[in-house]
N, C-alpha and C. Protein backbone atom coordinates (compact mmCIF):
# COMPACT_ATOMS: atom_id res chain seq x y z
N UNK A 1 96.99 125.63 74.86
CA UNK A 1 96.86 126.01 76.23
C UNK A 1 98.08 126.18 76.61
N UNK A 2 98.14 127.77 77.51
CA UNK A 2 98.97 128.77 77.36
C UNK A 2 99.84 128.51 79.05
N UNK A 3 101.09 128.62 79.27
CA UNK A 3 101.57 128.05 80.22
C UNK A 3 100.71 128.46 81.66
N UNK A 4 100.59 129.89 82.02
CA UNK A 4 99.68 130.44 82.94
C UNK A 4 98.73 130.06 82.76
N UNK A 5 97.74 129.27 81.93
CA UNK A 5 96.40 128.90 82.38
C UNK A 5 96.12 127.49 83.20
N UNK A 6 95.72 126.92 83.25
CA UNK A 6 95.65 125.84 83.96
C UNK A 6 94.54 124.37 82.86
N UNK A 7 95.13 123.87 82.99
CA UNK A 7 94.77 122.69 81.39
C UNK A 7 92.77 122.60 82.45
N UNK A 8 91.90 122.58 81.14
CA UNK A 8 91.15 122.30 81.61
C UNK A 8 90.18 121.00 81.22
N UNK A 9 89.47 119.64 82.04
CA UNK A 9 89.07 118.82 81.81
C UNK A 9 87.63 118.91 81.90
N UNK A 10 86.94 118.51 80.54
CA UNK A 10 85.92 117.51 80.76
C UNK A 10 85.51 116.23 81.03
N UNK A 11 84.82 116.02 82.41
CA UNK A 11 85.22 114.23 82.16
C UNK A 11 83.48 113.79 82.34
N UNK A 12 83.51 112.53 81.52
CA UNK A 12 81.95 112.34 81.50
C UNK A 12 82.11 111.06 82.05
N UNK A 13 81.05 111.29 83.06
CA UNK A 13 80.58 109.58 83.52
C UNK A 13 79.16 109.17 83.73
N UNK A 14 78.55 108.41 82.95
CA UNK A 14 77.23 108.09 82.79
C UNK A 14 76.63 107.08 83.95
N UNK A 15 77.77 106.10 85.08
CA UNK A 15 77.35 105.51 85.75
C UNK A 15 78.65 106.59 86.94
N UNK A 16 78.43 105.91 88.25
CA UNK A 16 79.64 107.56 89.44
C UNK A 16 80.60 106.05 88.89
N UNK A 17 82.23 107.08 88.89
CA UNK A 17 83.12 105.78 88.46
C UNK A 17 84.15 107.50 88.55
N UNK A 18 85.60 107.27 88.95
CA UNK A 18 86.41 108.28 88.18
C UNK A 18 86.88 108.93 89.84
N UNK A 19 86.49 108.53 91.20
CA UNK A 19 86.75 108.81 92.07
C UNK A 19 88.32 109.31 92.02
N UNK A 20 88.93 108.50 92.07
CA UNK A 20 90.34 108.80 92.11
C UNK A 20 91.24 109.44 91.39
N UNK A 21 90.83 109.71 89.82
CA UNK A 21 91.70 110.15 88.94
C UNK A 21 90.67 111.88 89.34
N UNK A 22 88.99 112.01 89.47
CA UNK A 22 88.62 113.18 89.68
C UNK A 22 89.65 114.12 90.78
N UNK A 23 89.80 113.38 92.22
CA UNK A 23 90.52 114.15 92.89
C UNK A 23 92.54 114.01 92.56
N UNK A 24 92.71 113.37 91.47
CA UNK A 24 94.62 113.15 91.34
C UNK A 24 94.82 114.96 89.69
N UNK A 25 93.34 114.79 89.50
CA UNK A 25 93.27 116.07 88.52
C UNK A 25 93.61 117.50 89.29
N UNK A 26 92.54 118.05 90.28
CA UNK A 26 92.20 118.81 90.75
C UNK A 26 93.74 119.05 91.62
N UNK A 27 94.06 117.82 92.45
CA UNK A 27 96.04 117.94 93.44
C UNK A 27 96.56 118.72 92.04
N UNK A 28 96.61 118.35 90.94
CA UNK A 28 97.59 118.30 90.05
C UNK A 28 97.23 119.95 89.32
N UNK A 29 96.85 120.08 90.07
CA UNK A 29 95.85 122.13 89.33
C UNK A 29 95.16 121.49 88.51
N UNK A 30 93.96 121.10 87.59
CA UNK A 30 93.29 121.12 86.61
C UNK A 30 92.01 121.69 86.92
N UNK A 31 91.61 122.72 86.45
CA UNK A 31 89.98 123.04 86.04
C UNK A 31 89.81 121.11 86.01
N UNK A 32 88.41 120.61 86.82
CA UNK A 32 88.17 119.47 86.20
C UNK A 32 86.59 120.11 86.40
N UNK A 33 85.94 119.87 85.06
CA UNK A 33 83.84 119.64 85.42
C UNK A 33 83.79 118.17 84.47
N UNK A 34 82.66 118.11 85.73
CA UNK A 34 81.86 116.48 85.35
C UNK A 34 80.63 117.07 84.50
N UNK A 35 80.52 116.20 83.92
CA UNK A 35 78.24 115.96 82.76
C UNK A 35 78.74 114.45 83.18
N UNK A 36 77.78 114.47 83.71
CA UNK A 36 77.12 113.22 84.36
C UNK A 36 75.78 112.87 83.98
N UNK A 37 74.55 111.46 84.75
CA UNK A 37 73.59 110.89 83.88
C UNK A 37 73.11 111.77 85.73
N UNK A 38 71.88 111.90 85.14
CA UNK A 38 70.80 113.30 85.53
C UNK A 38 70.39 112.67 86.65
N UNK A 39 70.23 111.24 86.09
CA UNK A 39 68.69 109.95 86.89
C UNK A 39 69.84 109.24 88.43
N UNK A 40 71.53 109.57 88.57
CA UNK A 40 72.43 109.61 89.72
C UNK A 40 72.70 110.76 90.64
N UNK A 41 71.95 111.47 90.27
CA UNK A 41 72.27 112.98 90.77
C UNK A 41 71.61 112.80 92.72
N UNK A 42 70.98 112.47 92.65
CA UNK A 42 70.81 112.07 94.12
C UNK A 42 71.50 111.01 95.22
N UNK A 43 71.80 110.22 94.39
CA UNK A 43 72.70 109.12 94.64
C UNK A 43 74.50 108.99 94.76
N UNK A 44 74.82 109.50 93.44
CA UNK A 44 76.50 109.79 93.29
C UNK A 44 76.99 110.19 94.67
N UNK A 45 78.15 110.41 94.52
CA UNK A 45 78.58 110.96 96.08
C UNK A 45 79.40 111.40 95.17
N UNK A 46 79.86 112.02 94.51
CA UNK A 46 81.40 112.80 93.35
C UNK A 46 81.76 114.21 94.80
N UNK A 47 82.75 113.99 94.73
CA UNK A 47 83.10 115.11 96.15
C UNK A 47 83.46 116.54 95.23
N UNK A 48 82.76 116.96 95.73
CA UNK A 48 82.37 118.75 95.24
C UNK A 48 83.53 119.46 95.42
N UNK A 49 84.86 119.40 96.44
CA UNK A 49 85.52 120.18 96.67
C UNK A 49 86.78 118.92 95.35
N UNK A 50 86.49 118.25 94.72
CA UNK A 50 87.15 117.82 93.41
C UNK A 50 87.01 118.03 92.22
N UNK A 51 85.89 119.54 91.85
CA UNK A 51 85.37 119.35 90.79
C UNK A 51 85.10 121.01 91.08
N UNK A 52 85.36 121.80 89.40
CA UNK A 52 84.90 123.03 89.36
C UNK A 52 83.49 123.23 89.32
N UNK A 53 82.69 122.34 88.60
CA UNK A 53 81.17 122.23 88.75
C UNK A 53 80.74 120.82 88.27
N UNK A 54 79.95 120.69 88.09
CA UNK A 54 78.89 119.57 87.57
C UNK A 54 77.77 119.91 87.13
N UNK A 55 77.84 119.08 85.92
CA UNK A 55 77.12 119.41 85.26
C UNK A 55 75.90 117.88 84.97
N UNK A 56 74.81 118.29 84.49
CA UNK A 56 73.80 116.79 84.53
C UNK A 56 72.75 116.48 83.31
N UNK A 57 73.86 115.36 82.57
CA UNK A 57 72.62 114.93 81.45
C UNK A 57 70.60 114.10 81.92
N UNK A 58 70.00 114.57 81.28
CA UNK A 58 69.18 113.46 80.96
C UNK A 58 69.59 112.30 79.97
N UNK A 59 68.86 111.34 80.80
CA UNK A 59 69.39 109.95 80.13
C UNK A 59 68.33 109.13 80.22
N UNK A 60 68.58 107.60 79.82
CA UNK A 60 67.17 106.07 80.09
C UNK A 60 68.17 105.66 80.12
N UNK A 61 68.55 104.92 80.83
CA UNK A 61 68.99 103.52 81.27
C UNK A 61 70.96 104.10 81.42
N UNK A 62 70.36 105.57 81.63
CA UNK A 62 72.42 105.89 81.21
C UNK A 62 72.74 105.80 80.00
N UNK A 63 72.05 106.48 79.52
CA UNK A 63 72.32 106.95 77.94
C UNK A 63 71.95 108.15 77.75
N UNK A 64 72.71 108.91 77.06
CA UNK A 64 71.99 109.94 76.68
C UNK A 64 71.97 110.26 75.32
N UNK A 65 71.02 111.05 75.05
CA UNK A 65 70.76 111.99 73.65
C UNK A 65 71.71 112.67 73.15
N UNK A 66 72.76 112.65 72.46
CA UNK A 66 74.20 112.06 71.93
C UNK A 66 74.16 113.93 70.78
N UNK A 67 73.01 114.14 70.83
CA UNK A 67 72.85 115.57 70.24
C UNK A 67 72.42 116.87 71.07
N UNK A 68 71.62 115.94 71.94
CA UNK A 68 71.51 117.37 72.88
C UNK A 68 72.93 117.71 74.09
N UNK A 69 73.87 116.37 74.09
CA UNK A 69 74.80 116.09 75.02
C UNK A 69 75.75 117.62 73.64
N UNK A 70 75.82 117.18 72.50
CA UNK A 70 76.74 118.02 72.27
C UNK A 70 76.39 119.58 72.26
N UNK A 71 74.92 119.65 72.56
CA UNK A 71 74.63 120.97 72.26
C UNK A 71 75.28 121.99 73.49
N UNK A 72 75.16 120.78 74.51
CA UNK A 72 75.26 121.30 76.18
C UNK A 72 76.35 121.36 75.81
N UNK A 73 77.01 120.49 75.66
CA UNK A 73 78.68 120.71 75.91
C UNK A 73 79.40 121.93 74.69
N UNK A 74 78.64 122.10 73.63
CA UNK A 74 79.27 123.50 73.21
C UNK A 74 79.01 124.76 73.36
N UNK A 75 77.98 124.45 74.62
CA UNK A 75 77.28 125.50 75.05
C UNK A 75 78.39 126.09 76.09
N UNK A 76 78.46 125.04 76.98
CA UNK A 76 79.45 125.56 77.87
C UNK A 76 81.19 125.64 77.72
N UNK A 77 81.41 125.31 76.36
CA UNK A 77 82.81 125.80 75.81
C UNK A 77 82.60 127.14 74.55
N UNK A 78 81.27 127.98 75.15
CA UNK A 78 81.36 129.05 74.68
C UNK A 78 81.34 129.70 76.14
N UNK A 79 82.16 129.52 76.85
CA UNK A 79 82.28 130.52 78.25
C UNK A 79 83.63 130.00 78.59
N UNK A 80 84.35 128.24 78.22
CA UNK A 80 85.31 127.79 79.14
C UNK A 80 86.05 127.16 78.07
N UNK A 81 87.84 127.38 77.90
CA UNK A 81 88.59 126.19 77.04
C UNK A 81 88.11 125.09 77.91
N UNK A 82 88.04 123.95 77.38
CA UNK A 82 88.16 122.66 77.11
C UNK A 82 89.13 122.18 76.54
N UNK A 83 90.15 121.79 77.32
CA UNK A 83 91.44 121.06 76.46
C UNK A 83 91.24 119.76 76.35
N UNK A 84 90.67 118.99 77.07
CA UNK A 84 89.95 117.58 77.25
C UNK A 84 89.41 117.24 77.03
N UNK A 85 88.80 115.97 76.41
CA UNK A 85 87.77 115.07 77.45
C UNK A 85 87.65 114.14 77.47
N UNK A 86 87.66 113.90 78.65
CA UNK A 86 87.56 112.10 79.36
C UNK A 86 87.02 111.30 79.95
N UNK A 87 86.77 110.21 79.44
CA UNK A 87 85.15 109.14 80.04
C UNK A 87 86.06 108.76 80.59
N UNK A 88 85.71 108.18 81.86
CA UNK A 88 85.66 108.09 83.56
C UNK A 88 85.67 106.65 82.77
N UNK A 89 85.27 105.66 82.33
CA UNK A 89 85.23 104.71 81.94
C UNK A 89 84.23 104.15 80.87
N UNK A 90 84.17 103.09 81.08
CA UNK A 90 84.05 102.40 78.81
C UNK A 90 83.67 102.39 78.38
N UNK A 91 82.40 102.86 78.95
CA UNK A 91 80.74 103.11 78.93
C UNK A 91 80.44 104.50 77.99
N UNK A 92 81.94 105.35 78.60
CA UNK A 92 82.05 106.31 78.04
C UNK A 92 82.95 107.12 76.49
N UNK A 93 83.53 106.23 76.45
CA UNK A 93 84.05 106.60 75.59
C UNK A 93 83.74 106.62 73.79
N UNK A 94 82.73 106.17 73.53
CA UNK A 94 82.60 106.70 72.68
C UNK A 94 81.48 107.94 72.86
N UNK A 95 81.10 108.42 73.58
CA UNK A 95 80.49 109.50 74.57
C UNK A 95 82.42 110.86 73.88
N UNK A 96 82.52 110.55 74.32
CA UNK A 96 84.50 111.18 75.29
C UNK A 96 84.08 111.61 73.37
N UNK A 97 85.34 110.54 72.32
CA UNK A 97 85.27 110.76 70.96
C UNK A 97 84.37 111.73 69.73
N UNK A 98 82.71 111.02 70.31
CA UNK A 98 82.27 112.58 69.45
C UNK A 98 81.86 113.33 69.23
N UNK A 99 82.41 114.09 71.12
CA UNK A 99 82.40 115.80 71.64
C UNK A 99 84.00 116.00 70.85
N UNK A 100 84.67 114.73 71.19
CA UNK A 100 86.35 115.27 70.90
C UNK A 100 86.20 116.29 69.08
N UNK A 101 85.22 114.81 67.77
CA UNK A 101 84.95 115.26 67.18
C UNK A 101 84.17 116.42 66.20
N UNK A 102 83.56 116.22 67.18
CA UNK A 102 82.26 118.01 66.80
C UNK A 102 83.09 119.07 67.47
N UNK A 103 83.73 119.03 68.40
CA UNK A 103 84.02 120.04 69.07
C UNK A 103 85.83 120.58 68.48
N UNK A 104 85.98 119.56 68.01
CA UNK A 104 87.39 119.81 67.51
C UNK A 104 88.84 119.71 68.81
N UNK A 105 88.12 118.78 69.58
CA UNK A 105 88.90 119.15 70.93
C UNK A 105 90.20 118.04 70.44
N UNK A 106 91.45 117.96 71.46
CA UNK A 106 92.48 117.36 70.86
C UNK A 106 91.79 116.17 71.44
N UNK A 107 92.08 114.49 71.06
CA UNK A 107 92.04 113.14 71.45
C UNK A 107 91.29 112.27 70.52
N UNK A 108 91.48 110.84 70.89
CA UNK A 108 91.17 110.01 69.99
C UNK A 108 89.73 110.30 69.17
N UNK A 109 89.57 110.02 67.94
CA UNK A 109 88.44 110.27 67.47
C UNK A 109 87.27 108.65 67.46
N UNK A 110 86.82 109.35 66.96
CA UNK A 110 85.65 107.85 66.81
C UNK A 110 85.97 106.90 66.74
N UNK A 111 86.30 106.72 65.34
CA UNK A 111 87.25 105.84 64.41
C UNK A 111 88.55 104.53 65.31
N UNK A 112 88.98 105.42 65.43
CA UNK A 112 90.14 105.16 66.78
C UNK A 112 90.13 104.52 67.52
N UNK A 113 88.91 105.13 67.94
CA UNK A 113 88.47 104.24 70.02
C UNK A 113 87.71 103.59 69.52
N UNK A 114 86.92 102.64 68.37
CA UNK A 114 86.32 101.88 67.90
C UNK A 114 87.88 100.44 67.94
N UNK A 115 88.83 101.19 68.05
CA UNK A 115 89.18 99.61 68.40
C UNK A 115 89.34 99.07 70.02
N UNK A 116 88.73 100.39 70.98
CA UNK A 116 88.75 99.74 71.56
C UNK A 116 87.62 99.13 72.33
N UNK A 117 86.50 99.75 71.71
CA UNK A 117 85.41 98.95 72.51
C UNK A 117 84.86 97.51 71.21
N UNK A 118 85.05 97.54 69.92
CA UNK A 118 84.70 96.90 69.39
C UNK A 118 86.07 95.58 68.71
N UNK A 119 85.37 94.21 69.66
CA UNK A 119 86.44 92.99 69.43
C UNK A 119 86.66 93.14 68.16
N UNK A 120 85.43 93.08 67.58
CA UNK A 120 86.94 92.36 65.76
C UNK A 120 87.09 93.26 65.25
N UNK A 121 86.62 95.30 65.59
CA UNK A 121 88.38 95.78 64.60
C UNK A 121 89.33 95.54 65.50
N UNK A 122 89.02 95.30 66.62
CA UNK A 122 90.60 95.37 67.47
C UNK A 122 91.71 94.12 67.21
N UNK A 123 90.60 92.96 66.57
CA UNK A 123 91.19 91.47 66.50
C UNK A 123 91.82 92.08 65.47
N UNK A 124 90.81 92.64 64.03
CA UNK A 124 91.37 92.94 62.65
C UNK A 124 92.74 93.93 62.15
N UNK A 125 92.66 94.86 64.09
CA UNK A 125 93.70 95.47 63.83
C UNK A 125 95.12 94.79 64.50
N UNK A 126 94.70 93.90 65.46
CA UNK A 126 95.52 93.54 65.47
C UNK A 126 96.48 92.92 64.55
N UNK A 127 96.11 91.13 63.73
CA UNK A 127 95.76 90.85 62.32
C UNK A 127 97.30 91.78 62.03
N UNK A 128 96.38 92.57 61.58
CA UNK A 128 96.86 93.34 60.09
C UNK A 128 98.81 94.06 60.85
N UNK A 129 98.68 94.09 61.87
CA UNK A 129 100.24 94.10 62.48
C UNK A 129 100.89 93.59 63.04
N UNK A 130 100.40 92.03 62.38
CA UNK A 130 101.54 91.00 62.91
C UNK A 130 101.00 90.38 63.91
N UNK A 131 100.04 91.08 65.29
CA UNK A 131 100.09 89.93 66.16
C UNK A 131 98.82 89.45 66.82
N UNK A 132 99.72 88.39 67.27
CA UNK A 132 98.84 86.96 67.13
C UNK A 132 97.89 86.80 67.67
N UNK A 133 96.36 86.86 67.34
CA UNK A 133 95.13 86.52 67.29
C UNK A 133 94.44 85.10 67.50
N UNK A 134 93.50 84.81 67.73
CA UNK A 134 92.84 83.59 67.72
C UNK A 134 91.94 83.43 66.17
N UNK A 135 92.05 82.08 65.67
CA UNK A 135 90.86 82.41 64.31
C UNK A 135 89.70 83.02 64.72
N UNK A 136 89.48 83.49 63.82
CA UNK A 136 87.94 84.62 63.99
C UNK A 136 87.39 84.61 62.48
N UNK A 137 85.89 85.03 62.50
CA UNK A 137 85.13 85.77 61.11
C UNK A 137 84.32 86.69 62.03
N UNK A 138 84.18 87.79 61.23
CA UNK A 138 83.15 88.32 61.07
C UNK A 138 81.52 87.92 61.31
N UNK A 139 80.66 88.52 62.10
CA UNK A 139 80.11 87.58 61.64
C UNK A 139 78.46 88.44 61.45
N UNK A 140 78.87 89.33 59.87
CA UNK A 140 78.09 89.83 59.02
C UNK A 140 77.95 88.66 57.62
N UNK A 141 78.45 87.90 57.24
CA UNK A 141 78.31 87.57 55.74
C UNK A 141 78.08 85.92 55.94
N UNK A 142 76.94 85.77 55.70
CA UNK A 142 76.20 84.02 56.25
C UNK A 142 77.34 83.07 55.66
N UNK A 143 77.80 83.11 54.56
CA UNK A 143 78.93 82.09 53.98
C UNK A 143 80.50 82.40 54.87
N UNK A 144 80.52 83.66 55.03
CA UNK A 144 81.64 83.58 55.65
C UNK A 144 81.86 82.64 56.83
N UNK A 145 80.27 82.60 57.60
CA UNK A 145 80.56 82.79 59.25
C UNK A 145 79.89 80.33 58.75
N UNK A 146 79.65 80.07 57.83
CA UNK A 146 79.47 78.39 57.89
C UNK A 146 80.76 78.05 57.41
N UNK A 147 81.78 78.59 56.60
CA UNK A 147 83.37 78.79 56.36
C UNK A 147 83.94 78.03 57.25
N UNK A 148 84.47 79.20 58.26
CA UNK A 148 84.54 79.90 59.28
C UNK A 148 84.64 78.50 60.30
N UNK A 149 82.44 77.73 60.46
CA UNK A 149 82.71 76.84 61.78
C UNK A 149 82.93 75.47 60.83
């Protein structure tokens, strides 16, 4: 990003969230694009004055086909330089990291993102870094679970 070009954000919202963030990003001079679920198009109340554009992904219960999402965002990136992909809710962290990794956009990738969503990964990472955590075990191996209980 050059000093003469404003930061361009692609914000992801599978649900109606992030109104304050969108407003503040625009106030600070960012270009703000929103990618959200088609199912909320007629009910969501996103302020158009806070957005440079809004795009809709077909969804089933707010879940997007990520191959289609990647293609759609790659198409957008042909004409727009997206500097950051910003999830507006926890539910969109994985979507954002998937897009970042596939499109080489700076930010947390899929592995790092798991530490924020996967409670087992979070506890294991905390324990590896000598942060106290309650006793736990993975729920994968029957023998390990039996020994833990």
